[in-house]
Amino acid sequence: MLDDERNHLYFWLQRCSICLEQTYSLCLESCRDQFCKECFVRYTEETVQASWGLGVTRIKCPVCQEVIPQSEWSRYVSKQVVDKYNEFNQPYRPFVRHCSACENQVVPCQSPREQGTSRERRLEHITEALTSLMSSMESTEWQEQLCQIQHFFEQTCRQKGATFRIGRVQDLYQKMVPPLARMAQEQQQQQQQQQQQQHPLTISPSKASVSLIYEKAAHVSKQLVAMEVIPEAWKQTQFWHVAHFPLETCECCGLQICLQCGEKAHIGMTCVNHLKSTLEQQPSSEQTASIQWKINNTEGCNRVDCLLCGHRFCWHCLSSWTQAELGVPNMTLIDSRRRSS
């Protein structure tokens, strides 16, 4: 009886941890979990295929979720899979839109890899922009708000100098940029109204010039984004910039575009109202389940994150996205879903 139990235990110890059928052919160096090559390759390929995005996806052990070094997992997959992983998982991948007129890329926040400006100089840029905003602002209410923002910024710089701990840049951003954005958008709408009154037949929302105050406030936001050096935090901060300052000028043709929807600028109008009529004519579009926003999927995997509402769903079936349980199923998670349904 004891020999049978030992033989039974030995049998399972030799099995692949994913399929539980084949004898294992590889053992991970760090965690010692074991798999047959076919299952491990399929798991890795599926993970790489679903990894496209602005962040970096780490290949983890399907059993214990420990990160597997690329030098190890790349030994078992083809060069094409490794190349795709490197293409999909570049750190500091910038948010990009394409101009609807000339199709050139519009990149509001440059990758830190492409920047040659020191953090000290960026702090000086922010100070100069805030000072210029103060002299340009006529509203007493906004002057007081700017004075508070400038005082907070100077106090923070005096305490920390040009070095900021993890999270400090995002703290600065959250306290400084939202009021600057409200001020800039109010000034932008006022300027557009004045332009339309003076030239009602020639000025459209896409051709209206961006106000100087809007440009300076957006410049402060971009400088703070550029100071963030942690890839995931930088990704989040550039999304904040897009949310607060959606207007951007195409450097090639000068067209004003909306970074949130990718269409021509529509100052004073929501993206939904602006696109409602034109999007109805696009039969290839799908709608997000939460706000009925129509989008097109041009590349990458089936996981879609709506920039406007944050809803994550599957492009193929349009259901809310659930992380694929590749490898060993998480029984605790499965049981909690069953109980809640």
C-alpha atoms as a PDB file:
ATOM      1  CA  MET A   1       0.000   0.000   0.000  1.00  0.00           C
ATOM      2  CA  LEU A   2       2.824   2.346   0.896  1.00  0.00           C
ATOM      3  CA  ASP A   3       4.580   1.607  -2.391  1.00  0.00           C
ATOM      4  CA  ASP A   4       1.392   2.401  -4.306  1.00  0.00           C
ATOM      5  CA  GLU A   5       1.084   5.752  -2.553  1.00  0.00           C
ATOM      6  CA  ARG A   6       4.707   6.540  -3.289  1.00  0.00           C
ATOM      7  CA  ASN A   7       4.276   5.615  -6.929  1.00  0.00           C
ATOM      8  CA  HIS A   8       1.114   7.726  -7.106  1.00  0.00           C
ATOM      9  CA  LEU A   9       2.899  10.723  -5.566  1.00  0.00           C
ATOM     10  CA  TYR A  10       5.893  10.270  -7.851  1.00  0.00           C
ATOM     11  CA  PHE A  11       3.567  10.229 -10.858  1.00  0.00           C
ATOM     12  CA  TRP A  12       2.076  13.646 -10.029  1.00  0.00           C
ATOM     13  CA  LEU A  13       5.442  15.123  -9.115  1.00  0.00           C
ATOM     14  CA  GLN A  14       6.564  14.425 -12.660  1.00  0.00           C
ATOM     15  CA  ARG A  15       3.545  16.094 -14.317  1.00  0.00           C
ATOM     16  CA  CYS A  16       3.314  19.505 -15.951  1.00  0.00           C
ATOM     17  CA  SER A  17       1.731  22.017 -13.532  1.00  0.00           C
ATOM     18  CA  ILE A  18      -0.576  23.329 -16.259  1.00  0.00           C
ATOM     19  CA  CYS A  19      -2.005  20.338 -18.099  1.00  0.00           C
ATOM     20  CA  LEU A  20      -1.236  17.694 -15.415  1.00  0.00           C
ATOM     21  CA  GLU A  21      -0.869  15.156 -18.218  1.00  0.00           C
ATOM     22  CA  GLN A  22       2.555  15.446 -19.818  1.00  0.00           C
ATOM     23  CA  THR A  23       5.812  14.780 -18.017  1.00  0.00           C
ATOM     24  CA  TYR A  24       7.545  18.063 -17.291  1.00  0.00           C
ATOM     25  CA  SER A  25      10.413  19.057 -19.569  1.00  0.00           C
ATOM     26  CA  LEU A  26      11.523  22.319 -17.962  1.00  0.00           C
ATOM     27  CA  CYS A  27      11.852  23.641 -14.433  1.00  0.00           C
ATOM     28  CA  LEU A  28      12.012  27.366 -13.688  1.00  0.00           C
ATOM     29  CA  GLU A  29      15.249  28.374 -12.007  1.00  0.00           C
ATOM     30  CA  SER A  30      13.794  30.798  -9.469  1.00  0.00           C
ATOM     31  CA  CYS A  31      10.677  29.062  -8.129  1.00  0.00           C
ATOM     32  CA  ARG A  32      11.303  25.495  -9.365  1.00  0.00           C
ATOM     33  CA  ASP A  33       7.797  25.122 -10.785  1.00  0.00           C
ATOM     34  CA  GLN A  34       7.747  22.692 -13.688  1.00  0.00           C
ATOM     35  CA  PHE A  35       5.953  22.496 -17.030  1.00  0.00           C
ATOM     36  CA  CYS A  36       5.977  20.695 -20.322  1.00  0.00           C
ATOM     37  CA  LYS A  37       7.419  22.891 -23.045  1.00  0.00           C
ATOM     38  CA  GLU A  38       4.208  22.961 -25.091  1.00  0.00           C
ATOM     39  CA  CYS A  39       2.136  24.388 -22.225  1.00  0.00           C
ATOM     40  CA  PHE A  40       4.788  26.888 -21.147  1.00  0.00           C
ATOM     41  CA  VAL A  41       5.290  28.157 -24.694  1.00  0.00           C
ATOM     42  CA  ARG A  42       1.533  28.535 -25.223  1.00  0.00           C
ATOM     43  CA  TYR A  43       1.171  30.358 -21.893  1.00  0.00           C
ATOM     44  CA  THR A  44       4.038  32.727 -22.718  1.00  0.00           C
ATOM     45  CA  GLU A  45       2.766  33.440 -26.230  1.00  0.00           C
ATOM     46  CA  GLU A  46      -0.741  34.255 -24.925  1.00  0.00           C
ATOM     47  CA  THR A  47       0.693  36.557 -22.256  1.00  0.00           C
ATOM     48  CA  VAL A  48       2.860  38.382 -24.789  1.00  0.00           C
ATOM     49  CA  GLN A  49      -0.049  38.754 -27.228  1.00  0.00           C
ATOM     50  CA  ALA A  50      -2.162  40.388 -24.501  1.00  0.00           C
ATOM     51  CA  SER A  51       0.633  42.651 -23.250  1.00  0.00           C
ATOM     52  CA  TRP A  52       0.325  45.517 -25.744  1.00  0.00           C
ATOM     53  CA  GLY A  53      -0.242  48.881 -24.072  1.00  0.00           C
ATOM     54  CA  LEU A  54       1.383  51.900 -22.456  1.00  0.00           C
ATOM     55  CA  GLY A  55       2.777  49.872 -19.555  1.00  0.00           C
ATOM     56  CA  VAL A  56       5.264  47.010 -19.262  1.00  0.00           C
ATOM     57  CA  THR A  57       3.933  43.493 -18.662  1.00  0.00           C
ATOM     58  CA  ARG A  58       6.143  41.041 -16.802  1.00  0.00           C
ATOM     59  CA  ILE A  59       5.973  37.340 -17.617  1.00  0.00           C
ATOM     60  CA  LYS A  60       5.095  35.563 -14.363  1.00  0.00           C
ATOM     61  CA  CYS A  61       5.052  31.942 -13.305  1.00  0.00           C
ATOM     62  CA  PRO A  62       1.497  30.637 -13.883  1.00  0.00           C
ATOM     63  CA  VAL A  63       1.639  28.782 -10.544  1.00  0.00           C
ATOM     64  CA  CYS A  64       3.188  31.148  -7.982  1.00  0.00           C
ATOM     65  CA  GLN A  65       3.092  34.431  -9.981  1.00  0.00           C
ATOM     66  CA  GLU A  66       6.783  35.093  -9.422  1.00  0.00           C
ATOM     67  CA  VAL A  67       8.316  37.195 -12.199  1.00  0.00           C
ATOM     68  CA  ILE A  68      10.338  35.116 -14.657  1.00  0.00           C
ATOM     69  CA  PRO A  69      13.434  36.893 -16.028  1.00  0.00           C
ATOM     70  CA  GLN A  70      13.284  37.502 -19.766  1.00  0.00           C
ATOM     71  CA  SER A  71      16.658  35.810 -20.101  1.00  0.00           C
ATOM     72  CA  GLU A  72      14.978  32.601 -18.894  1.00  0.00           C
ATOM     73  CA  TRP A  73      11.557  32.494 -20.569  1.00  0.00           C
ATOM     74  CA  SER A  74      12.998  33.687 -23.886  1.00  0.00           C
ATOM     75  CA  ARG A  75      14.980  30.431 -24.149  1.00  0.00           C
ATOM     76  CA  TYR A  76      11.793  28.442 -24.739  1.00  0.00           C
ATOM     77  CA  VAL A  77       9.951  30.608 -27.269  1.00  0.00           C
ATOM     78  CA  SER A  78      10.670  31.718 -30.820  1.00  0.00           C
ATOM     79  CA  LYS A  79      12.554  34.881 -31.734  1.00  0.00           C
ATOM     80  CA  GLN A  80       9.312  36.289 -33.163  1.00  0.00           C
ATOM     81  CA  VAL A  81       7.657  36.070 -29.728  1.00  0.00           C
ATOM     82  CA  VAL A  82      10.618  37.789 -28.056  1.00  0.00           C
ATOM     83  CA  ASP A  83      10.616  40.541 -30.689  1.00  0.00           C
ATOM     84  CA  LYS A  84       6.876  41.071 -30.225  1.00  0.00           C
ATOM     85  CA  TYR A  85       7.342  41.304 -26.445  1.00  0.00           C
ATOM     86  CA  ASN A  86      10.072  43.929 -26.860  1.00  0.00           C
ATOM     87  CA  GLU A  87       7.867  45.874 -29.274  1.00  0.00           C
ATOM     88  CA  PHE A  88       4.780  45.742 -27.046  1.00  0.00           C
ATOM     89  CA  ASN A  89       6.540  46.472 -23.752  1.00  0.00           C
ATOM     90  CA  GLN A  90       8.671  49.537 -24.231  1.00  0.00           C
ATOM     91  CA  PRO A  91       8.905  51.605 -21.032  1.00  0.00           C
ATOM     92  CA  TYR A  92       7.726  55.214 -21.328  1.00  0.00           C
ATOM     93  CA  ARG A  93       5.494  54.440 -24.296  1.00  0.00           C
ATOM     94  CA  PRO A  94       3.905  57.844 -25.016  1.00  0.00           C
ATOM     95  CA  PHE A  95       0.231  58.499 -25.615  1.00  0.00           C
ATOM     96  CA  VAL A  96      -0.202  59.231 -29.334  1.00  0.00           C
ATOM     97  CA  ARG A  97      -2.993  60.575 -31.518  1.00  0.00           C
ATOM     98  CA  HIS A  98      -2.969  61.010 -35.298  1.00  0.00           C
ATOM     99  CA  CYS A  99      -4.005  64.274 -36.898  1.00  0.00           C
ATOM    100  CA  SER A 100      -7.268  63.797 -38.789  1.00  0.00           C
ATOM    101  CA  ALA A 101      -6.056  66.123 -41.557  1.00  0.00           C
ATOM    102  CA  CYS A 102      -2.473  65.030 -42.295  1.00  0.00           C
ATOM    103  CA  GLU A 103      -2.289  61.707 -40.379  1.00  0.00           C
ATOM    104  CA  ASN A 104       0.936  62.716 -38.633  1.00  0.00           C
ATOM    105  CA  GLN A 105       1.478  61.736 -35.016  1.00  0.00           C
ATOM    106  CA  VAL A 106       0.528  64.175 -32.269  1.00  0.00           C
ATOM    107  CA  VAL A 107       2.412  63.382 -29.050  1.00  0.00           C
ATOM    108  CA  PRO A 108       1.495  65.677 -26.138  1.00  0.00           C
ATOM    109  CA  CYS A 109       4.013  64.245 -23.648  1.00  0.00           C
ATOM    110  CA  GLN A 110       7.426  63.173 -24.867  1.00  0.00           C
ATOM    111  CA  SER A 111       9.045  60.057 -23.459  1.00  0.00           C
ATOM    112  CA  PRO A 112      11.686  60.748 -20.760  1.00  0.00           C
ATOM    113  CA  ARG A 113      14.081  58.790 -22.971  1.00  0.00           C
ATOM    114  CA  GLU A 114      13.840  61.549 -25.587  1.00  0.00           C
ATOM    115  CA  GLN A 115      14.292  64.443 -23.193  1.00  0.00           C
ATOM    116  CA  GLY A 116      17.563  66.250 -22.569  1.00  0.00           C
ATOM    117  CA  THR A 117      16.347  68.863 -20.089  1.00  0.00           C
ATOM    118  CA  SER A 118      17.421  68.609 -16.451  1.00  0.00           C
ATOM    119  CA  ARG A 119      14.897  68.564 -13.614  1.00  0.00           C
ATOM    120  CA  GLU A 120      16.358  71.832 -12.306  1.00  0.00           C
ATOM    121  CA  ARG A 121      15.652  73.500 -15.647  1.00  0.00           C
ATOM    122  CA  ARG A 122      12.113  72.123 -15.684  1.00  0.00           C
ATOM    123  CA  LEU A 123      11.495  73.665 -12.263  1.00  0.00           C
ATOM    124  CA  GLU A 124      12.667  76.976 -13.709  1.00  0.00           C
ATOM    125  CA  HIS A 125      10.297  76.546 -16.678  1.00  0.00           C
ATOM    126  CA  ILE A 126       7.380  76.023 -14.275  1.00  0.00           C
ATOM    127  CA  THR A 127       8.336  79.087 -12.215  1.00  0.00           C
ATOM    128  CA  GLU A 128       8.576  81.226 -15.362  1.00  0.00           C
ATOM    129  CA  ALA A 129       5.215  79.976 -16.661  1.00  0.00           C
ATOM    130  CA  LEU A 130       3.465  80.661 -13.339  1.00  0.00           C
ATOM    131  CA  THR A 131       4.945  84.171 -13.200  1.00  0.00           C
ATOM    132  CA  SER A 132       3.822  84.837 -16.770  1.00  0.00           C
ATOM    133  CA  LEU A 133       0.327  83.546 -15.992  1.00  0.00           C
ATOM    134  CA  MET A 134       0.105  85.869 -13.004  1.00  0.00           C
ATOM    135  CA  SER A 135       0.904  88.912 -15.162  1.00  0.00           C
ATOM    136  CA  SER A 136      -1.532  87.817 -17.902  1.00  0.00           C
ATOM    137  CA  MET A 137      -4.518  87.104 -15.664  1.00  0.00           C
ATOM    138  CA  GLU A 138      -7.054  89.909 -15.243  1.00  0.00           C
ATOM    139  CA  SER A 139      -9.509  88.149 -12.936  1.00  0.00           C
ATOM    140  CA  THR A 140      -8.835  88.904  -9.266  1.00  0.00           C
ATOM    141  CA  GLU A 141     -10.241  85.517  -8.276  1.00  0.00           C
ATOM    142  CA  TRP A 142      -7.839  83.657 -10.548  1.00  0.00           C
ATOM    143  CA  GLN A 143      -4.926  85.866  -9.487  1.00  0.00           C
ATOM    144  CA  GLU A 144      -5.499  84.792  -5.893  1.00  0.00           C
ATOM    145  CA  GLN A 145      -5.700  81.148  -6.977  1.00  0.00           C
ATOM    146  CA  LEU A 146      -2.467  81.492  -8.951  1.00  0.00           C
ATOM    147  CA  CYS A 147      -0.773  83.125  -5.995  1.00  0.00           C
ATOM    148  CA  GLN A 148      -1.654  80.122  -3.822  1.00  0.00           C
ATOM    149  CA  ILE A 149      -0.416  77.678  -6.470  1.00  0.00           C
ATOM    150  CA  GLN A 150       2.838  79.585  -6.897  1.00  0.00           C
ATOM    151  CA  HIS A 151       3.397  79.764  -3.138  1.00  0.00           C
ATOM    152  CA  PHE A 152       2.776  76.014  -2.752  1.00  0.00           C
ATOM    153  CA  PHE A 153       5.189  75.233  -5.593  1.00  0.00           C
ATOM    154  CA  GLU A 154       7.940  77.463  -4.201  1.00  0.00           C
ATOM    155  CA  GLN A 155       7.533  76.011  -0.711  1.00  0.00           C
ATOM    156  CA  THR A 156       7.750  72.466  -2.064  1.00  0.00           C
ATOM    157  CA  CYS A 157      10.862  73.244  -4.107  1.00  0.00           C
ATOM    158  CA  ARG A 158      12.483  74.933  -1.124  1.00  0.00           C
ATOM    159  CA  GLN A 159      11.886  71.854   1.013  1.00  0.00           C
ATOM    160  CA  LYS A 160      12.940  69.233  -1.521  1.00  0.00           C
ATOM    161  CA  GLY A 161      15.161  71.158  -3.904  1.00  0.00           C
ATOM    162  CA  ALA A 162      15.249  69.552  -7.332  1.00  0.00           C
ATOM    163  CA  THR A 163      14.855  66.012  -5.997  1.00  0.00           C
ATOM    164  CA  PHE A 164      11.472  64.444  -5.359  1.00  0.00           C
ATOM    165  CA  ARG A 165      10.665  61.194  -3.685  1.00  0.00           C
ATOM    166  CA  ILE A 166       8.447  58.582  -5.296  1.00  0.00           C
ATOM    167  CA  GLY A 167       4.966  60.064  -5.542  1.00  0.00           C
ATOM    168  CA  ARG A 168       6.101  63.656  -4.945  1.00  0.00           C
ATOM    169  CA  VAL A 169       5.680  64.665  -8.600  1.00  0.00           C
ATOM    170  CA  GLN A 170       2.148  63.275  -8.666  1.00  0.00           C
ATOM    171  CA  ASP A 171       1.366  65.135  -5.426  1.00  0.00           C
ATOM    172  CA  LEU A 172       2.552  68.353  -7.042  1.00  0.00           C
ATOM    173  CA  TYR A 173       0.519  67.629 -10.156  1.00  0.00           C
ATOM    174  CA  GLN A 174      -2.729  66.917  -8.306  1.00  0.00           C
ATOM    175  CA  LYS A 175      -2.488  70.101  -6.256  1.00  0.00           C
ATOM    176  CA  MET A 176      -1.337  72.462  -9.011  1.00  0.00           C
ATOM    177  CA  VAL A 177      -2.771  71.376 -12.346  1.00  0.00           C
ATOM    178  CA  PRO A 178      -6.560  70.923 -11.784  1.00  0.00           C
ATOM    179  CA  PRO A 179      -7.121  74.599 -10.835  1.00  0.00           C
ATOM    180  CA  LEU A 180      -4.802  75.697 -13.652  1.00  0.00           C
ATOM    181  CA  ALA A 181      -6.821  73.584 -16.098  1.00  0.00           C
ATOM    182  CA  ARG A 182     -10.138  75.097 -14.975  1.00  0.00           C
ATOM    183  CA  MET A 183      -8.714  78.575 -15.381  1.00  0.00           C
ATOM    184  CA  ALA A 184      -7.261  77.786 -18.820  1.00  0.00           C
ATOM    185  CA  GLN A 185     -10.455  76.195 -20.134  1.00  0.00           C
ATOM    186  CA  GLU A 186     -12.533  79.147 -18.970  1.00  0.00           C
ATOM    187  CA  GLN A 187     -10.187  81.562 -20.734  1.00  0.00           C
ATOM    188  CA  GLN A 188     -10.158  79.389 -23.864  1.00  0.00           C
ATOM    189  CA  GLN A 189     -13.951  79.339 -24.100  1.00  0.00           C
ATOM    190  CA  GLN A 190     -14.124  83.110 -23.623  1.00  0.00           C
ATOM    191  CA  GLN A 191     -11.568  83.664 -26.381  1.00  0.00           C
ATOM    192  CA  GLN A 192     -13.418  81.376 -28.789  1.00  0.00           C
ATOM    193  CA  GLN A 193     -16.703  83.169 -28.139  1.00  0.00           C
ATOM    194  CA  GLN A 194     -15.046  86.496 -28.900  1.00  0.00           C
ATOM    195  CA  GLN A 195     -13.535  85.136 -32.121  1.00  0.00           C
ATOM    196  CA  GLN A 196     -16.871  83.711 -33.270  1.00  0.00           C
ATOM    197  CA  GLN A 197     -18.627  87.013 -32.571  1.00  0.00           C
ATOM    198  CA  GLN A 198     -16.039  88.894 -34.622  1.00  0.00           C
ATOM    199  CA  HIS A 199     -15.866  86.306 -37.440  1.00  0.00           C
ATOM    200  CA  PRO A 200     -19.036  84.178 -37.227  1.00  0.00           C
ATOM    201  CA  LEU A 201     -18.651  82.632 -40.693  1.00  0.00           C
ATOM    202  CA  THR A 202     -14.935  81.857 -40.710  1.00  0.00           C
ATOM    203  CA  ILE A 203     -14.008  80.670 -37.217  1.00  0.00           C
ATOM    204  CA  SER A 204     -14.771  77.029 -36.382  1.00  0.00           C
ATOM    205  CA  PRO A 205     -13.887  75.148 -33.172  1.00  0.00           C
ATOM    206  CA  SER A 206     -11.095  73.315 -35.015  1.00  0.00           C
ATOM    207  CA  LYS A 207      -9.532  76.530 -36.334  1.00  0.00           C
ATOM    208  CA  ALA A 208      -9.872  78.648 -33.204  1.00  0.00           C
ATOM    209  CA  SER A 209      -6.472  79.602 -31.818  1.00  0.00           C
ATOM    210  CA  VAL A 210      -5.437  78.332 -28.408  1.00  0.00           C
ATOM    211  CA  SER A 211      -5.249  81.121 -25.858  1.00  0.00           C
ATOM    212  CA  LEU A 212      -1.867  82.102 -24.448  1.00  0.00           C
ATOM    213  CA  ILE A 213      -3.092  81.301 -20.945  1.00  0.00           C
ATOM    214  CA  TYR A 214      -4.130  77.796 -22.048  1.00  0.00           C
ATOM    215  CA  GLU A 215      -0.693  77.231 -23.624  1.00  0.00           C
ATOM    216  CA  LYS A 216       1.159  78.341 -20.487  1.00  0.00           C
ATOM    217  CA  ALA A 217      -1.007  76.242 -18.170  1.00  0.00           C
ATOM    218  CA  ALA A 218      -0.563  73.209 -20.433  1.00  0.00           C
ATOM    219  CA  HIS A 219       3.184  73.877 -20.434  1.00  0.00           C
ATOM    220  CA  VAL A 220       3.239  73.628 -16.629  1.00  0.00           C
ATOM    221  CA  SER A 221       1.388  70.317 -16.858  1.00  0.00           C
ATOM    222  CA  LYS A 222       3.823  68.942 -19.464  1.00  0.00           C
ATOM    223  CA  GLN A 223       6.845  69.952 -17.390  1.00  0.00           C
ATOM    224  CA  LEU A 224       5.484  68.102 -14.363  1.00  0.00           C
ATOM    225  CA  VAL A 225       4.759  65.028 -16.486  1.00  0.00           C
ATOM    226  CA  ALA A 226       8.324  65.129 -17.829  1.00  0.00           C
ATOM    227  CA  MET A 227       9.739  65.144 -14.302  1.00  0.00           C
ATOM    228  CA  GLU A 228       8.174  61.761 -13.484  1.00  0.00           C
ATOM    229  CA  VAL A 229      10.757  59.002 -14.005  1.00  0.00           C
ATOM    230  CA  ILE A 230       8.858  55.913 -12.802  1.00  0.00           C
ATOM    231  CA  PRO A 231       7.289  54.292 -15.922  1.00  0.00           C
ATOM    232  CA  GLU A 232       3.904  53.390 -14.389  1.00  0.00           C
ATOM    233  CA  ALA A 233       3.591  56.744 -12.622  1.00  0.00           C
ATOM    234  CA  TRP A 234       4.600  58.551 -15.815  1.00  0.00           C
ATOM    235  CA  LYS A 235       1.917  56.658 -17.745  1.00  0.00           C
ATOM    236  CA  GLN A 236      -0.734  57.702 -15.209  1.00  0.00           C
ATOM    237  CA  THR A 237       0.442  61.317 -15.139  1.00  0.00           C
ATOM    238  CA  GLN A 238       0.307  61.720 -18.919  1.00  0.00           C
ATOM    239  CA  PHE A 239      -3.303  60.465 -18.833  1.00  0.00           C
ATOM    240  CA  TRP A 240      -4.012  63.209 -16.305  1.00  0.00           C
ATOM    241  CA  HIS A 241      -2.539  65.724 -18.747  1.00  0.00           C
ATOM    242  CA  VAL A 242      -4.792  64.484 -21.567  1.00  0.00           C
ATOM    243  CA  ALA A 243      -7.822  64.761 -19.267  1.00  0.00           C
ATOM    244  CA  HIS A 244      -6.984  68.325 -18.180  1.00  0.00           C
ATOM    245  CA  PHE A 245      -5.612  69.698 -21.470  1.00  0.00           C
ATOM    246  CA  PRO A 246      -7.269  67.888 -24.396  1.00  0.00           C
ATOM    247  CA  LEU A 247      -6.398  70.557 -26.981  1.00  0.00           C
ATOM    248  CA  GLU A 248      -3.176  69.975 -28.897  1.00  0.00           C
ATOM    249  CA  THR A 249      -1.819  71.500 -32.109  1.00  0.00           C
ATOM    250  CA  CYS A 250      -0.499  69.312 -34.920  1.00  0.00           C
ATOM    251  CA  GLU A 251       3.071  70.458 -35.573  1.00  0.00           C
ATOM    252  CA  CYS A 252       2.805  69.555 -39.269  1.00  0.00           C
ATOM    253  CA  CYS A 253      -0.407  71.251 -40.414  1.00  0.00           C
ATOM    254  CA  GLY A 254      -1.401  73.400 -37.422  1.00  0.00           C
ATOM    255  CA  LEU A 255      -4.813  71.776 -36.935  1.00  0.00           C
ATOM    256  CA  GLN A 256      -6.222  71.802 -33.415  1.00  0.00           C
ATOM    257  CA  ILE A 257      -7.256  68.302 -32.322  1.00  0.00           C
ATOM    258  CA  CYS A 258      -8.907  66.839 -29.247  1.00  0.00           C
ATOM    259  CA  LEU A 259      -6.612  64.321 -27.559  1.00  0.00           C
ATOM    260  CA  GLN A 260      -9.537  62.588 -25.857  1.00  0.00           C
ATOM    261  CA  CYS A 261     -11.489  61.606 -28.965  1.00  0.00           C
ATOM    262  CA  GLY A 262      -8.865  62.177 -31.666  1.00  0.00           C
ATOM    263  CA  GLU A 263     -11.140  64.403 -33.763  1.00  0.00           C
ATOM    264  CA  LYS A 264     -10.871  68.079 -34.639  1.00  0.00           C
ATOM    265  CA  ALA A 265     -10.997  70.433 -31.679  1.00  0.00           C
ATOM    266  CA  HIS A 266     -14.503  71.178 -30.426  1.00  0.00           C
ATOM    267  CA  ILE A 267     -14.122  73.900 -27.811  1.00  0.00           C
ATOM    268  CA  GLY A 268     -17.276  74.307 -25.754  1.00  0.00           C
ATOM    269  CA  MET A 269     -18.716  70.953 -26.883  1.00  0.00           C
ATOM    270  CA  THR A 270     -18.398  67.496 -25.390  1.00  0.00           C
ATOM    271  CA  CYS A 271     -16.778  64.749 -27.426  1.00  0.00           C
ATOM    272  CA  VAL A 272     -20.065  62.825 -27.499  1.00  0.00           C
ATOM    273  CA  ASN A 273     -22.079  65.720 -28.908  1.00  0.00           C
ATOM    274  CA  HIS A 274     -19.413  66.538 -31.470  1.00  0.00           C
ATOM    275  CA  LEU A 275     -19.074  62.992 -32.779  1.00  0.00           C
ATOM    276  CA  LYS A 276     -22.663  61.787 -32.517  1.00  0.00           C
ATOM    277  CA  SER A 277     -23.609  62.419 -36.134  1.00  0.00           C
ATOM    278  CA  THR A 278     -20.340  61.358 -37.797  1.00  0.00           C
ATOM    279  CA  LEU A 279     -19.846  58.182 -35.766  1.00  0.00           C
ATOM    280  CA  GLU A 280     -23.272  56.882 -36.756  1.00  0.00           C
ATOM    281  CA  GLN A 281     -21.894  56.540 -40.281  1.00  0.00           C
ATOM    282  CA  GLN A 282     -19.082  54.175 -39.224  1.00  0.00           C
ATOM    283  CA  PRO A 283     -20.446  50.597 -39.316  1.00  0.00           C
ATOM    284  CA  SER A 284     -17.086  49.108 -38.291  1.00  0.00           C
ATOM    285  CA  SER A 285     -17.156  50.796 -34.896  1.00  0.00           C
ATOM    286  CA  GLU A 286     -18.051  49.224 -31.574  1.00  0.00           C
ATOM    287  CA  GLN A 287     -19.462  50.918 -28.486  1.00  0.00           C
ATOM    288  CA  THR A 288     -18.178  50.800 -24.932  1.00  0.00           C
ATOM    289  CA  ALA A 289     -20.774  49.282 -22.641  1.00  0.00           C
ATOM    290  CA  SER A 290     -20.675  52.088 -20.087  1.00  0.00           C
ATOM    291  CA  ILE A 291     -21.007  55.326 -22.112  1.00  0.00           C
ATOM    292  CA  GLN A 292     -21.835  54.015 -25.630  1.00  0.00           C
ATOM    293  CA  TRP A 293     -18.703  55.626 -27.052  1.00  0.00           C
ATOM    294  CA  LYS A 294     -17.759  54.284 -30.485  1.00  0.00           C
ATOM    295  CA  ILE A 295     -14.178  53.239 -31.125  1.00  0.00           C
ATOM    296  CA  ASN A 296     -12.064  51.379 -33.681  1.00  0.00           C
ATOM    297  CA  ASN A 297      -9.477  48.725 -32.865  1.00  0.00           C
ATOM    298  CA  THR A 298      -6.495  49.030 -35.216  1.00  0.00           C
ATOM    299  CA  GLU A 299      -3.777  47.044 -33.443  1.00  0.00           C
ATOM    300  CA  GLY A 300      -2.902  45.133 -30.308  1.00  0.00           C
ATOM    301  CA  CYS A 301      -4.913  42.586 -28.362  1.00  0.00           C
ATOM    302  CA  ASN A 302      -8.643  42.387 -27.567  1.00  0.00           C
ATOM    303  CA  ARG A 303      -8.310  44.214 -24.230  1.00  0.00           C
ATOM    304  CA  VAL A 304      -9.651  47.760 -24.585  1.00  0.00           C
ATOM    305  CA  ASP A 305      -9.404  50.551 -22.003  1.00  0.00           C
ATOM    306  CA  CYS A 306     -11.740  53.487 -22.625  1.00  0.00           C
ATOM    307  CA  LEU A 307      -9.757  56.699 -22.144  1.00  0.00           C
ATOM    308  CA  LEU A 308     -12.859  58.687 -21.197  1.00  0.00           C
ATOM    309  CA  CYS A 309     -14.656  56.455 -18.679  1.00  0.00           C
ATOM    310  CA  GLY A 310     -11.990  53.908 -17.737  1.00  0.00           C
ATOM    311  CA  HIS A 311     -14.201  50.933 -18.660  1.00  0.00           C
ATOM    312  CA  ARG A 312     -12.125  47.875 -19.609  1.00  0.00           C
ATOM    313  CA  PHE A 313     -13.766  45.361 -21.931  1.00  0.00           C
ATOM    314  CA  CYS A 314     -13.079  42.656 -24.506  1.00  0.00           C
ATOM    315  CA  TRP A 315     -13.154  43.848 -28.117  1.00  0.00           C
ATOM    316  CA  HIS A 316     -14.226  40.425 -29.366  1.00  0.00           C
ATOM    317  CA  CYS A 317     -17.308  39.822 -27.167  1.00  0.00           C
ATOM    318  CA  LEU A 318     -17.805  43.357 -25.670  1.00  0.00           C
ATOM    319  CA  SER A 319     -18.077  41.901 -22.147  1.00  0.00           C
ATOM    320  CA  SER A 320     -16.255  43.454 -19.195  1.00  0.00           C
ATOM    321  CA  TRP A 321     -12.626  42.385 -19.291  1.00  0.00           C
ATOM    322  CA  THR A 322     -11.534  39.622 -16.956  1.00  0.00           C
ATOM    323  CA  GLN A 323      -7.888  38.697 -16.669  1.00  0.00           C
ATOM    324  CA  ALA A 324      -7.257  35.392 -18.424  1.00  0.00           C
ATOM    325  CA  GLU A 325      -6.556  32.638 -15.921  1.00  0.00           C
ATOM    326  CA  LEU A 326      -3.701  31.084 -17.815  1.00  0.00           C
ATOM    327  CA  GLY A 327      -1.926  28.196 -16.162  1.00  0.00           C
ATOM    328  CA  VAL A 328      -3.170  27.066 -12.754  1.00  0.00           C
ATOM    329  CA  PRO A 329      -6.690  28.448 -12.012  1.00  0.00           C
ATOM    330  CA  ASN A 330      -7.101  30.715  -8.982  1.00  0.00           C
ATOM    331  CA  MET A 331      -9.690  28.669  -7.100  1.00  0.00           C
ATOM    332  CA  THR A 332     -10.198  31.309  -4.409  1.00  0.00           C
ATOM    333  CA  LEU A 333     -11.097  33.909  -7.036  1.00  0.00           C
ATOM    334  CA  ILE A 334     -13.335  31.486  -8.917  1.00  0.00           C
ATOM    335  CA  ASP A 335     -15.186  30.572  -5.709  1.00  0.00           C
ATOM    336  CA  SER A 336     -15.695  34.234  -4.768  1.00  0.00           C
ATOM    337  CA  ARG A 337     -17.189  34.912  -8.217  1.00  0.00           C
ATOM    338  CA  ARG A 338     -19.507  31.941  -7.863  1.00  0.00           C
ATOM    339  CA  ARG A 339     -20.731  33.137  -4.460  1.00  0.00           C
ATOM    340  CA  SER A 340     -21.358  36.686  -5.658  1.00  0.00           C
ATOM    341  CA  SER A 341     -23.275  35.666  -8.801  1.00  0.00           C
END
